Amino acid sequence: MNREVTLPLIVDDRGTLQVAAADVSKLLRAVGGRWLHLVESGERGLDEDTVAALTIELAKLADRIDVACIAHSSGGSGG
């Protein structure tokens, strides 16, 4: 998967983030972890390679959200 995703930060008119990045990142990682758990427990209909690839991409997205929000909070451009 080589497609880039633009991550808009949801801010109010004062620049305050409206969604807790830690919650979104945690959710993305939890979804990937749950998928992996299902594969490991033998859930039928899930392709192990596809689940692994999607889990990696969710973790990368979570990392990008974290970095963008850190940059925003520290006054950086945030990309």
PDB file of N, CA and C in Angstrom:
ATOM      1  N   MET A   1       0.842  -1.171   0.000  1.00  0.00           N
ATOM      2  CA  MET A   1       0.000   0.000   0.000  1.00  0.00           C
ATOM      3  C   MET A   1       0.887   1.233   0.000  1.00  0.00           C
ATOM      4  N   ASN A   2       0.848   1.955  -1.084  1.00  0.00           N
ATOM      5  CA  ASN A   2       1.709   3.121  -1.214  1.00  0.00           C
ATOM      6  C   ASN A   2       0.927   4.423  -1.310  1.00  0.00           C
ATOM      7  N   ARG A   3      -0.326   4.403  -0.999  1.00  0.00           N
ATOM      8  CA  ARG A   3      -1.127   5.615  -1.088  1.00  0.00           C
ATOM      9  C   ARG A   3      -0.969   6.437   0.170  1.00  0.00           C
ATOM     10  N   GLU A   4      -0.861   7.745  -0.012  1.00  0.00           N
ATOM     11  CA  GLU A   4      -0.739   8.657   1.119  1.00  0.00           C
ATOM     12  C   GLU A   4      -2.128   9.127   1.527  1.00  0.00           C
ATOM     13  N   VAL A   5      -2.304   9.313   2.793  1.00  0.00           N
ATOM     14  CA  VAL A   5      -3.564   9.802   3.342  1.00  0.00           C
ATOM     15  C   VAL A   5      -3.308  11.151   3.977  1.00  0.00           C
ATOM     16  N   THR A   6      -4.119  12.144   3.612  1.00  0.00           N
ATOM     17  CA  THR A   6      -4.010  13.454   4.241  1.00  0.00           C
ATOM     18  C   THR A   6      -4.767  13.410   5.557  1.00  0.00           C
ATOM     19  N   LEU A   7      -4.130  13.918   6.605  1.00  0.00           N
ATOM     20  CA  LEU A   7      -4.741  13.892   7.926  1.00  0.00           C
ATOM     21  C   LEU A   7      -5.138  15.299   8.354  1.00  0.00           C
ATOM     22  N   PRO A   8      -6.388  15.663   8.149  1.00  0.00           N
ATOM     23  CA  PRO A   8      -6.801  16.985   8.617  1.00  0.00           C
ATOM     24  C   PRO A   8      -6.928  16.969  10.134  1.00  0.00           C
ATOM     25  N   LEU A   9      -6.410  17.991  10.764  1.00  0.00           N
ATOM     26  CA  LEU A   9      -6.593  18.131  12.197  1.00  0.00           C
ATOM     27  C   LEU A   9      -7.867  18.919  12.414  1.00  0.00           C
ATOM     28  N   ILE A  10      -8.687  18.474  13.321  1.00  0.00           N
ATOM     29  CA  ILE A  10      -9.946  19.157  13.602  1.00  0.00           C
ATOM     30  C   ILE A  10      -9.695  20.122  14.749  1.00  0.00           C
ATOM     31  N   VAL A  11      -9.656  21.399  14.397  1.00  0.00           N
ATOM     32  CA  VAL A  11      -9.367  22.426  15.391  1.00  0.00           C
ATOM     33  C   VAL A  11     -10.480  23.466  15.402  1.00  0.00           C
ATOM     34  N   ASP A  12     -10.632  24.136  16.542  1.00  0.00           N
ATOM     35  CA  ASP A  12     -11.602  25.224  16.610  1.00  0.00           C
ATOM     36  C   ASP A  12     -10.934  26.520  16.169  1.00  0.00           C
ATOM     37  N   ASP A  13     -11.622  27.640  16.283  1.00  0.00           N
ATOM     38  CA  ASP A  13     -11.090  28.907  15.797  1.00  0.00           C
ATOM     39  C   ASP A  13      -9.889  29.412  16.601  1.00  0.00           C
ATOM     40  N   ARG A  14      -9.613  28.802  17.734  1.00  0.00           N
ATOM     41  CA  ARG A  14      -8.430  29.156  18.535  1.00  0.00           C
ATOM     42  C   ARG A  14      -7.277  28.182  18.309  1.00  0.00           C
ATOM     43  N   GLY A  15      -7.489  27.176  17.455  1.00  0.00           N
ATOM     44  CA  GLY A  15      -6.441  26.200  17.179  1.00  0.00           C
ATOM     45  C   GLY A  15      -6.404  25.026  18.143  1.00  0.00           C
ATOM     46  N   THR A  16      -7.420  24.906  18.993  1.00  0.00           N
ATOM     47  CA  THR A  16      -7.477  23.805  19.950  1.00  0.00           C
ATOM     48  C   THR A  16      -7.983  22.547  19.252  1.00  0.00           C
ATOM     49  N   LEU A  17      -7.255  21.443  19.424  1.00  0.00           N
ATOM     50  CA  LEU A  17      -7.678  20.181  18.824  1.00  0.00           C
ATOM     51  C   LEU A  17      -9.007  19.730  19.412  1.00  0.00           C
ATOM     52  N   GLN A  18      -9.899  19.233  18.565  1.00  0.00           N
ATOM     53  CA  GLN A  18     -11.220  18.817  19.000  1.00  0.00           C
ATOM     54  C   GLN A  18     -11.353  17.305  19.164  1.00  0.00           C
ATOM     55  N   VAL A  19     -10.364  16.568  18.745  1.00  0.00           N
ATOM     56  CA  VAL A  19     -10.366  15.118  18.897  1.00  0.00           C
ATOM     57  C   VAL A  19      -9.062  14.750  19.578  1.00  0.00           C
ATOM     58  N   ALA A  20      -9.143  13.953  20.617  1.00  0.00           N
ATOM     59  CA  ALA A  20      -7.931  13.547  21.324  1.00  0.00           C
ATOM     60  C   ALA A  20      -7.148  12.574  20.453  1.00  0.00           C
ATOM     61  N   ALA A  21      -5.982  13.001  20.010  1.00  0.00           N
ATOM     62  CA  ALA A  21      -5.155  12.172  19.131  1.00  0.00           C
ATOM     63  C   ALA A  21      -4.816  10.849  19.789  1.00  0.00           C
ATOM     64  N   ALA A  22      -4.570  10.865  21.080  1.00  0.00           N
ATOM     65  CA  ALA A  22      -4.227   9.622  21.779  1.00  0.00           C
ATOM     66  C   ALA A  22      -5.365   8.608  21.680  1.00  0.00           C
ATOM     67  N   ASP A  23      -6.602   9.090  21.739  1.00  0.00           N
ATOM     68  CA  ASP A  23      -7.748   8.184  21.627  1.00  0.00           C
ATOM     69  C   ASP A  23      -7.859   7.589  20.224  1.00  0.00           C
ATOM     70  N   VAL A  24      -7.658   8.421  19.211  1.00  0.00           N
ATOM     71  CA  VAL A  24      -7.740   7.943  17.829  1.00  0.00           C
ATOM     72  C   VAL A  24      -6.612   6.957  17.552  1.00  0.00           C
ATOM     73  N   SER A  25      -5.400   7.293  17.958  1.00  0.00           N
ATOM     74  CA  SER A  25      -4.255   6.408  17.748  1.00  0.00           C
ATOM     75  C   SER A  25      -4.470   5.076  18.459  1.00  0.00           C
ATOM     76  N   LYS A  26      -4.949   5.151  19.687  1.00  0.00           N
ATOM     77  CA  LYS A  26      -5.198   3.931  20.467  1.00  0.00           C
ATOM     78  C   LYS A  26      -6.250   3.065  19.779  1.00  0.00           C
ATOM     79  N   LEU A  27      -7.304   3.690  19.253  1.00  0.00           N
ATOM     80  CA  LEU A  27      -8.350   2.949  18.555  1.00  0.00           C
ATOM     81  C   LEU A  27      -7.801   2.248  17.318  1.00  0.00           C
ATOM     82  N   LEU A  28      -7.021   2.967  16.517  1.00  0.00           N
ATOM     83  CA  LEU A  28      -6.461   2.365  15.308  1.00  0.00           C
ATOM     84  C   LEU A  28      -5.577   1.167  15.645  1.00  0.00           C
ATOM     85  N   ARG A  29      -4.748   1.321  16.669  1.00  0.00           N
ATOM     86  CA  ARG A  29      -3.879   0.214  17.068  1.00  0.00           C
ATOM     87  C   ARG A  29      -4.678  -0.951  17.647  1.00  0.00           C
ATOM     88  N   ALA A  30      -5.744  -0.637  18.371  1.00  0.00           N
ATOM     89  CA  ALA A  30      -6.584  -1.692  18.946  1.00  0.00           C
ATOM     90  C   ALA A  30      -7.296  -2.496  17.867  1.00  0.00           C
ATOM     91  N   VAL A  31      -7.762  -1.817  16.829  1.00  0.00           N
ATOM     92  CA  VAL A  31      -8.426  -2.517  15.724  1.00  0.00           C
ATOM     93  C   VAL A  31      -7.446  -3.496  15.078  1.00  0.00           C
ATOM     94  N   GLY A  32      -6.242  -3.020  14.785  1.00  0.00           N
ATOM     95  CA  GLY A  32      -5.237  -3.906  14.205  1.00  0.00           C
ATOM     96  C   GLY A  32      -4.900  -5.072  15.119  1.00  0.00           C
ATOM     97  N   GLY A  33      -4.760  -4.785  16.402  1.00  0.00           N
ATOM     98  CA  GLY A  33      -4.463  -5.840  17.363  1.00  0.00           C
ATOM     99  C   GLY A  33      -5.569  -6.876  17.438  1.00  0.00           C
ATOM    100  N   ARG A  34      -6.805  -6.412  17.386  1.00  0.00           N
ATOM    101  CA  ARG A  34      -7.952  -7.336  17.415  1.00  0.00           C
ATOM    102  C   ARG A  34      -7.956  -8.228  16.182  1.00  0.00           C
ATOM    103  N   TRP A  35      -7.688  -7.629  15.016  1.00  0.00           N
ATOM    104  CA  TRP A  35      -7.621  -8.438  13.797  1.00  0.00           C
ATOM    105  C   TRP A  35      -6.550  -9.516  13.913  1.00  0.00           C
ATOM    106  N   LEU A  36      -5.384  -9.131  14.406  1.00  0.00           N
ATOM    107  CA  LEU A  36      -4.301 -10.108  14.567  1.00  0.00           C
ATOM    108  C   LEU A  36      -4.706 -11.218  15.531  1.00  0.00           C
ATOM    109  N   HIS A  37      -5.359 -10.846  16.612  1.00  0.00           N
ATOM    110  CA  HIS A  37      -5.821 -11.840  17.586  1.00  0.00           C
ATOM    111  C   HIS A  37      -6.790 -12.819  16.932  1.00  0.00           C
ATOM    112  N   LEU A  38      -7.694 -12.306  16.111  1.00  0.00           N
ATOM    113  CA  LEU A  38      -8.654 -13.179  15.424  1.00  0.00           C
ATOM    114  C   LEU A  38      -7.944 -14.161  14.492  1.00  0.00           C
ATOM    115  N   VAL A  39      -6.954 -13.670  13.769  1.00  0.00           N
ATOM    116  CA  VAL A  39      -6.192 -14.553  12.866  1.00  0.00           C
ATOM    117  C   VAL A  39      -5.467 -15.629  13.675  1.00  0.00           C
ATOM    118  N   GLU A  40      -4.815 -15.201  14.768  1.00  0.00           N
ATOM    119  CA  GLU A  40      -4.060 -16.139  15.600  1.00  0.00           C
ATOM    120  C   GLU A  40      -4.954 -17.186  16.246  1.00  0.00           C
ATOM    121  N   SER A  41      -6.203 -16.831  16.514  1.00  0.00           N
ATOM    122  CA  SER A  41      -7.117 -17.780  17.136  1.00  0.00           C
ATOM    123  C   SER A  41      -7.833 -18.648  16.102  1.00  0.00           C
ATOM    124  N   GLY A  42      -7.491 -18.469  14.825  1.00  0.00           N
ATOM    125  CA  GLY A  42      -8.028 -19.334  13.783  1.00  0.00           C
ATOM    126  C   GLY A  42      -9.354 -18.903  13.197  1.00  0.00           C
ATOM    127  N   GLU A  43      -9.707 -17.647  13.343  1.00  0.00           N
ATOM    128  CA  GLU A  43     -10.957 -17.141  12.765  1.00  0.00           C
ATOM    129  C   GLU A  43     -10.971 -17.422  11.269  1.00  0.00           C
ATOM    130  N   ARG A  44     -12.046 -18.015  10.816  1.00  0.00           N
ATOM    131  CA  ARG A  44     -12.157 -18.363   9.392  1.00  0.00           C
ATOM    132  C   ARG A  44     -12.465 -17.128   8.567  1.00  0.00           C
ATOM    133  N   GLY A  45     -11.990 -17.148   7.341  1.00  0.00           N
ATOM    134  CA  GLY A  45     -12.300 -16.079   6.401  1.00  0.00           C
ATOM    135  C   GLY A  45     -11.353 -14.890   6.451  1.00  0.00           C
ATOM    136  N   LEU A  46     -10.330 -14.952   7.308  1.00  0.00           N
ATOM    137  CA  LEU A  46      -9.371 -13.853   7.382  1.00  0.00           C
ATOM    138  C   LEU A  46      -8.037 -14.310   6.802  1.00  0.00           C
ATOM    139  N   ASP A  47      -7.540 -13.560   5.840  1.00  0.00           N
ATOM    140  CA  ASP A  47      -6.250 -13.865   5.236  1.00  0.00           C
ATOM    141  C   ASP A  47      -5.142 -13.261   6.096  1.00  0.00           C
ATOM    142  N   GLU A  48      -4.244 -14.103   6.569  1.00  0.00           N
ATOM    143  CA  GLU A  48      -3.199 -13.663   7.493  1.00  0.00           C
ATOM    144  C   GLU A  48      -2.332 -12.547   6.913  1.00  0.00           C
ATOM    145  N   ASP A  49      -1.937 -12.678   5.658  1.00  0.00           N
ATOM    146  CA  ASP A  49      -1.085 -11.650   5.041  1.00  0.00           C
ATOM    147  C   ASP A  49      -1.818 -10.318   4.895  1.00  0.00           C
ATOM    148  N   THR A  50      -3.088 -10.378   4.522  1.00  0.00           N
ATOM    149  CA  THR A  50      -3.875  -9.156   4.378  1.00  0.00           C
ATOM    150  C   THR A  50      -4.068  -8.476   5.731  1.00  0.00           C
ATOM    151  N   VAL A  51      -4.392  -9.266   6.743  1.00  0.00           N
ATOM    152  CA  VAL A  51      -4.572  -8.704   8.083  1.00  0.00           C
ATOM    153  C   VAL A  51      -3.272  -8.075   8.570  1.00  0.00           C
ATOM    154  N   ALA A  52      -2.156  -8.755   8.340  1.00  0.00           N
ATOM    155  CA  ALA A  52      -0.859  -8.207   8.763  1.00  0.00           C
ATOM    156  C   ALA A  52      -0.577  -6.882   8.057  1.00  0.00           C
ATOM    157  N   ALA A  53      -0.824  -6.826   6.746  1.00  0.00           N
ATOM    158  CA  ALA A  53      -0.577  -5.600   5.989  1.00  0.00           C
ATOM    159  C   ALA A  53      -1.479  -4.461   6.457  1.00  0.00           C
ATOM    160  N   LEU A  54      -2.746  -4.764   6.683  1.00  0.00           N
ATOM    161  CA  LEU A  54      -3.672  -3.731   7.155  1.00  0.00           C
ATOM    162  C   LEU A  54      -3.310  -3.254   8.558  1.00  0.00           C
ATOM    163  N   THR A  55      -2.894  -4.165   9.407  1.00  0.00           N
ATOM    164  CA  THR A  55      -2.498  -3.799  10.762  1.00  0.00           C
ATOM    165  C   THR A  55      -1.288  -2.875  10.746  1.00  0.00           C
ATOM    166  N   ILE A  56      -0.336  -3.170   9.889  1.00  0.00           N
ATOM    167  CA  ILE A  56       0.847  -2.304   9.745  1.00  0.00           C
ATOM    168  C   ILE A  56       0.431  -0.919   9.268  1.00  0.00           C
ATOM    169  N   GLU A  57      -0.461  -0.854   8.294  1.00  0.00           N
ATOM    170  CA  GLU A  57      -0.907   0.443   7.770  1.00  0.00           C
ATOM    171  C   GLU A  57      -1.679   1.237   8.828  1.00  0.00           C
ATOM    172  N   LEU A  58      -2.480   0.553   9.644  1.00  0.00           N
ATOM    173  CA  LEU A  58      -3.182   1.255  10.721  1.00  0.00           C
ATOM    174  C   LEU A  58      -2.192   1.822  11.734  1.00  0.00           C
ATOM    175  N   ALA A  59      -1.154   1.057  12.047  1.00  0.00           N
ATOM    176  CA  ALA A  59      -0.132   1.536  12.984  1.00  0.00           C
ATOM    177  C   ALA A  59       0.610   2.737  12.404  1.00  0.00           C
ATOM    178  N   LYS A  60       0.907   2.698  11.111  1.00  0.00           N
ATOM    179  CA  LYS A  60       1.567   3.834  10.459  1.00  0.00           C
ATOM    180  C   LYS A  60       0.672   5.074  10.501  1.00  0.00           C
ATOM    181  N   LEU A  61      -0.615   4.873  10.249  1.00  0.00           N
ATOM    182  CA  LEU A  61      -1.560   5.989  10.297  1.00  0.00           C
ATOM    183  C   LEU A  61      -1.628   6.563  11.712  1.00  0.00           C
ATOM    184  N   ALA A  62      -1.677   5.697  12.703  1.00  0.00           N
ATOM    185  CA  ALA A  62      -1.689   6.148  14.091  1.00  0.00           C
ATOM    186  C   ALA A  62      -0.423   6.942  14.403  1.00  0.00           C
ATOM    187  N   ASP A  63       0.711   6.477  13.919  1.00  0.00           N
ATOM    188  CA  ASP A  63       1.969   7.199  14.123  1.00  0.00           C
ATOM    189  C   ASP A  63       1.919   8.580  13.477  1.00  0.00           C
ATOM    190  N   ARG A  64       1.367   8.651  12.263  1.00  0.00           N
ATOM    191  CA  ARG A  64       1.279   9.935  11.568  1.00  0.00           C
ATOM    192  C   ARG A  64       0.362  10.904  12.300  1.00  0.00           C
ATOM    193  N   ILE A  65      -0.719  10.393  12.853  1.00  0.00           N
ATOM    194  CA  ILE A  65      -1.621  11.242  13.637  1.00  0.00           C
ATOM    195  C   ILE A  65      -0.885  11.772  14.853  1.00  0.00           C
ATOM    196  N   ASP A  66      -0.171  10.881  15.532  1.00  0.00           N
ATOM    197  CA  ASP A  66       0.590  11.304  16.712  1.00  0.00           C
ATOM    198  C   ASP A  66       1.589  12.404  16.356  1.00  0.00           C
ATOM    199  N   VAL A  67       2.334  12.208  15.283  1.00  0.00           N
ATOM    200  CA  VAL A  67       3.349  13.182  14.874  1.00  0.00           C
ATOM    201  C   VAL A  67       2.698  14.512  14.492  1.00  0.00           C
ATOM    202  N   ALA A  68       1.604  14.457  13.737  1.00  0.00           N
ATOM    203  CA  ALA A  68       0.925  15.690  13.326  1.00  0.00           C
ATOM    204  C   ALA A  68       0.401  16.454  14.533  1.00  0.00           C
ATOM    205  N   CYS A  69      -0.133  15.757  15.494  1.00  0.00           N
ATOM    206  CA  CYS A  69      -0.668  16.429  16.677  1.00  0.00           C
ATOM    207  C   CYS A  69       0.427  16.955  17.586  1.00  0.00           C
ATOM    208  N   ILE A  70       1.534  16.241  17.666  1.00  0.00           N
ATOM    209  CA  ILE A  70       2.662  16.743  18.430  1.00  0.00           C
ATOM    210  C   ILE A  70       3.175  18.020  17.793  1.00  0.00           C
ATOM    211  N   ALA A  71       3.307  18.009  16.465  1.00  0.00           N
ATOM    212  CA  ALA A  71       3.781  19.201  15.751  1.00  0.00           C
ATOM    213  C   ALA A  71       2.798  20.356  15.974  1.00  0.00           C
ATOM    214  N   HIS A  72       1.513  20.070  15.907  1.00  0.00           N
ATOM    215  CA  HIS A  72       0.503  21.117  16.113  1.00  0.00           C
ATOM    216  C   HIS A  72       0.599  21.688  17.527  1.00  0.00           C
ATOM    217  N   SER A  73       0.718  20.810  18.490  1.00  0.00           N
ATOM    218  CA  SER A  73       0.772  21.244  19.899  1.00  0.00           C
ATOM    219  C   SER A  73       2.027  22.033  20.217  1.00  0.00           C
ATOM    220  N   SER A  74       3.108  21.719  19.496  1.00  0.00           N
ATOM    221  CA  SER A  74       4.368  22.421  19.758  1.00  0.00           C
ATOM    222  C   SER A  74       4.521  23.663  18.887  1.00  0.00           C
ATOM    223  N   GLY A  75       3.495  23.970  18.097  1.00  0.00           N
ATOM    224  CA  GLY A  75       3.527  25.166  17.276  1.00  0.00           C
ATOM    225  C   GLY A  75       4.135  24.961  15.904  1.00  0.00           C
ATOM    226  N   GLY A  76       4.446  23.710  15.560  1.00  0.00           N
ATOM    227  CA  GLY A  76       5.000  23.415  14.232  1.00  0.00           C
ATOM    228  C   GLY A  76       3.925  23.477  13.182  1.00  0.00           C
ATOM    229  N   SER A  77       4.321  23.319  11.936  1.00  0.00           N
ATOM    230  CA  SER A  77       3.363  23.400  10.834  1.00  0.00           C
ATOM    231  C   SER A  77       2.466  22.181  10.785  1.00  0.00           C
ATOM    232  N   GLY A  78       2.970  21.003  11.238  1.00  0.00           N
ATOM    233  CA  GLY A  78       2.144  19.802  11.278  1.00  0.00           C
ATOM    234  C   GLY A  78       1.886  19.178   9.949  1.00  0.00           C
ATOM    235  N   GLY A  79       2.485  19.694   8.853  1.00  0.00           N
ATOM    236  CA  GLY A  79       2.392  19.076   7.536  1.00  0.00           C
ATOM    237  C   GLY A  79       1.195  19.487   6.831  1.00  0.00           C
TER     238      GLY A  79
END
